Amino acid sequence: MRVTALRIVGLAAGALFAAAVVFVIARALRIRARHRAVFGAELPSLDPARDRLVDAPQALYHGTRFADGTAVLAPRWAQACVGDLWCTDEGIFLQREAGGGCLLWPLAWVDDASLLRRHAGLAGKDLPMLRVRFRRGGQTLVSDFSLRGGMANLEKLRREVHLRQGTQGALAALGELLTREPVPGAGHEP
């Protein structure tokens, strides 16, 4: 009787262990597929030398994560750093200090840019930040930045991003309106 009970406990423990292994492997495969989709996505050819709409040397980059809070495993994207940030009419660029490479956020991929205040590990205190929500490889990611000059410079960057974000930026819609011929009698008369 005792041997049978030990055998049942051993089988149950083995089944639990096998289920845990299958769960860990399935989760690892999902994480791998998600990261391959994001970092396997082809980047558009953007010119970082175009006119700079916003230029922010020594900006704080607080890292990128998936919108659901899951960590990004690529160190260049996950780790916070100091870097030179600039925005052109095509994208946001961040040149990481100490040869860490250049990160790129095409404005056509940006869904939203919002201002917030939260704790910044690099500074060790609460700072105003710009949160950029963007899509890459079918996944939604979130990146946070702080700029010298605080909220005023963050607001300037946020406005530039909002004017050009997505595939149908506000400037494209306004440009179409501004190029139309005025229709006589369509305006208000005094």
Protein backbone atom coordinates (compact mmCIF):
# COMPACT_ATOMS: atom_id res chain seq x y z
CA MET A 1 0.00 0.00 0.00
CA ARG A 2 2.80 2.35 0.89
CA VAL A 3 4.64 1.65 -2.38
CA THR A 4 1.47 2.43 -4.37
CA ALA A 5 1.03 5.78 -2.58
CA LEU A 6 4.67 6.69 -3.26
CA ARG A 7 4.24 5.69 -6.88
CA ILE A 8 1.12 7.92 -7.22
CA VAL A 9 2.91 10.87 -5.58
CA GLY A 10 5.91 10.33 -7.88
CA LEU A 11 3.69 10.22 -10.98
CA ALA A 12 1.84 13.37 -9.89
CA ALA A 13 5.14 15.19 -9.26
CA GLY A 14 6.45 14.04 -12.63
CA ALA A 15 3.28 15.23 -14.38
CA LEU A 16 3.51 18.62 -12.64
CA PHE A 17 7.16 18.94 -13.60
CA ALA A 18 6.40 18.06 -17.24
CA ALA A 19 3.53 20.58 -17.32
CA ALA A 20 5.83 23.27 -15.88
CA VAL A 21 8.49 22.50 -18.51
CA VAL A 22 5.91 22.65 -21.32
CA PHE A 23 4.58 25.97 -19.94
CA VAL A 24 8.07 27.50 -19.74
CA ILE A 25 8.97 26.35 -23.26
CA ALA A 26 5.68 27.63 -24.71
CA ARG A 27 6.17 31.00 -23.00
CA ALA A 28 9.76 31.24 -24.25
CA LEU A 29 8.61 30.50 -27.80
CA ARG A 30 5.91 33.22 -27.58
CA ILE A 31 8.46 35.74 -26.28
CA ARG A 32 10.89 34.78 -29.02
CA ALA A 33 8.24 35.10 -31.74
CA ARG A 34 7.16 38.49 -30.38
CA HIS A 35 10.72 39.82 -30.36
CA ARG A 36 11.42 38.44 -33.83
CA ALA A 37 8.33 40.22 -35.14
CA VAL A 38 9.43 43.53 -33.59
CA PHE A 39 13.12 43.47 -34.41
CA GLY A 40 12.74 41.62 -37.69
CA ALA A 41 10.53 44.39 -39.06
CA GLU A 42 12.26 46.31 -41.80
CA LEU A 43 12.94 49.93 -40.90
CA PRO A 44 12.10 52.58 -43.46
CA SER A 45 15.03 54.49 -44.90
CA LEU A 46 15.00 57.76 -42.95
CA ASP A 47 17.59 60.50 -43.22
CA PRO A 48 18.83 61.60 -39.77
CA ALA A 49 20.52 64.62 -41.37
CA ARG A 50 17.23 66.29 -42.38
CA ASP A 51 16.29 69.58 -40.74
CA ARG A 52 15.89 69.12 -37.01
CA LEU A 53 12.53 70.26 -35.68
CA VAL A 54 13.58 69.48 -32.11
CA ASP A 55 17.17 69.10 -30.94
CA ALA A 56 17.70 67.82 -27.40
CA PRO A 57 21.28 66.98 -26.41
CA GLN A 58 21.73 64.89 -23.27
CA ALA A 59 18.14 63.67 -23.21
CA LEU A 60 17.21 60.85 -20.87
CA TYR A 61 15.88 57.73 -22.54
CA HIS A 62 14.00 55.61 -20.02
CA GLY A 63 13.70 52.52 -22.17
CA THR A 64 11.12 50.72 -24.27
CA ARG A 65 8.70 47.96 -23.32
CA PHE A 66 5.70 46.28 -24.85
CA ALA A 67 2.45 48.19 -24.27
CA ASP A 68 1.17 45.40 -22.02
CA GLY A 69 4.14 45.96 -19.69
CA THR A 70 6.24 43.01 -20.86
CA ALA A 71 9.94 43.83 -20.94
CA VAL A 72 11.84 44.15 -24.20
CA LEU A 73 14.89 41.89 -24.06
CA ALA A 74 17.06 43.74 -26.61
CA PRO A 75 19.51 45.68 -24.37
CA ARG A 76 19.83 48.69 -26.71
CA TRP A 77 16.07 49.24 -26.51
CA ALA A 78 15.42 48.11 -22.93
CA GLN A 79 18.17 49.91 -21.01
CA ALA A 80 17.83 53.51 -19.96
CA CYS A 81 20.58 55.88 -21.05
CA VAL A 82 21.63 59.44 -21.75
CA GLY A 83 21.78 60.37 -25.42
CA ASP A 84 21.33 63.07 -28.00
CA LEU A 85 17.74 63.13 -29.23
CA TRP A 86 16.42 64.94 -32.29
CA CYS A 87 13.23 64.90 -34.29
CA THR A 88 12.92 65.45 -38.04
CA ASP A 89 9.79 65.45 -40.15
CA GLU A 90 10.33 61.68 -40.60
CA GLY A 91 11.24 60.35 -37.18
CA ILE A 92 12.68 60.59 -33.70
CA PHE A 93 16.36 59.66 -33.44
CA LEU A 94 18.35 58.91 -30.29
CA GLN A 95 22.11 58.58 -30.43
CA ARG A 96 23.05 56.68 -27.27
CA GLU A 97 26.18 57.92 -25.52
CA ALA A 98 29.32 55.79 -25.29
CA GLY A 99 28.88 54.25 -28.75
CA GLY A 100 25.57 52.57 -27.98
CA GLY A 101 24.20 53.13 -31.47
CA CYS A 102 21.29 55.11 -32.83
CA LEU A 103 17.66 54.21 -32.13
CA LEU A 104 14.88 55.26 -34.50
CA TRP A 105 11.13 55.83 -34.17
CA PRO A 106 9.55 56.51 -37.60
CA LEU A 107 6.73 59.02 -37.09
CA ALA A 108 4.57 57.00 -39.47
CA TRP A 109 4.63 54.20 -36.87
CA VAL A 110 3.62 56.41 -33.91
CA ASP A 111 0.08 55.96 -32.57
CA ASP A 112 0.25 58.47 -29.72
CA ALA A 113 2.54 60.79 -27.79
CA SER A 114 1.52 61.89 -24.30
CA LEU A 115 3.01 63.80 -21.40
CA LEU A 116 3.28 62.31 -17.93
CA ARG A 117 5.30 62.52 -14.76
CA ARG A 118 6.90 59.46 -13.18
CA HIS A 119 9.99 58.22 -11.41
CA ALA A 120 13.14 58.16 -13.54
CA GLY A 121 15.72 55.63 -12.41
CA LEU A 122 18.56 57.51 -14.14
CA ALA A 123 17.80 60.74 -12.29
CA GLY A 124 16.60 59.14 -9.08
CA LYS A 125 13.52 61.40 -8.93
CA ASP A 126 10.19 62.14 -10.60
CA LEU A 127 10.54 63.84 -13.97
CA PRO A 128 8.19 64.99 -16.72
CA MET A 129 8.32 62.55 -19.63
CA LEU A 130 7.06 62.09 -23.14
CA ARG A 131 5.59 58.64 -23.71
CA VAL A 132 5.55 57.52 -27.34
CA ARG A 133 3.27 54.61 -28.22
CA PHE A 134 4.20 53.04 -31.56
CA ARG A 135 3.73 49.91 -33.63
CA ARG A 136 6.60 47.87 -34.96
CA GLY A 137 6.30 44.43 -36.49
CA GLY A 138 2.62 44.22 -35.56
CA GLN A 139 3.36 44.81 -31.87
CA THR A 140 2.61 47.91 -29.81
CA LEU A 141 5.52 49.30 -27.82
CA VAL A 142 6.00 52.25 -25.47
CA SER A 143 9.12 54.43 -25.06
CA ASP A 144 9.69 57.22 -22.51
CA PHE A 145 11.95 60.28 -22.79
CA SER A 146 12.87 63.26 -20.61
CA LEU A 147 14.44 66.39 -22.09
CA ARG A 148 16.40 69.29 -20.67
CA GLY A 149 14.08 72.26 -20.33
CA GLY A 150 11.36 70.07 -18.84
CA MET A 151 7.73 70.25 -19.82
CA ALA A 152 8.15 73.07 -22.38
CA ASN A 153 10.58 71.07 -24.54
CA LEU A 154 8.56 67.88 -24.11
CA GLU A 155 5.44 69.71 -25.26
CA LYS A 156 7.28 71.01 -28.33
CA LEU A 157 8.38 67.46 -29.22
CA ARG A 158 4.87 66.11 -28.56
CA ARG A 159 3.34 68.70 -30.91
CA GLU A 160 5.82 67.88 -33.70
CA VAL A 161 5.10 64.17 -33.30
CA HIS A 162 1.32 64.70 -33.33
CA LEU A 163 1.50 66.81 -36.46
CA ARG A 164 3.31 64.06 -38.35
CA GLN A 165 2.35 60.80 -36.62
CA GLY A 166 0.80 57.87 -38.39
CA THR A 167 0.37 57.45 -42.10
CA GLN A 168 -2.15 60.29 -42.29
CA GLY A 169 -0.50 63.04 -40.22
CA ALA A 170 -2.31 66.29 -39.46
CA LEU A 171 0.07 68.22 -41.71
CA ALA A 172 -0.94 66.09 -44.70
CA ALA A 173 -4.62 66.82 -44.07
CA LEU A 174 -3.96 70.53 -43.56
CA GLY A 175 -1.78 70.68 -46.67
CA GLU A 176 -4.65 69.34 -48.75
CA LEU A 177 -6.97 72.03 -47.37
CA LEU A 178 -4.44 74.79 -47.97
CA THR A 179 -3.90 73.83 -51.62
CA ARG A 180 -7.61 73.94 -52.53
CA GLU A 181 -8.94 76.83 -54.59
CA PRO A 182 -11.30 79.05 -52.62
CA VAL A 183 -14.91 78.82 -53.75
CA PRO A 184 -16.51 82.27 -54.21
CA GLY A 185 -19.47 82.78 -51.90
CA ALA A 186 -18.52 79.82 -49.68
CA GLY A 187 -17.24 82.05 -46.88
CA HIS A 188 -19.05 84.23 -44.42
CA GLU A 189 -20.21 87.60 -45.68
CA PRO A 190 -20.18 90.65 -43.40
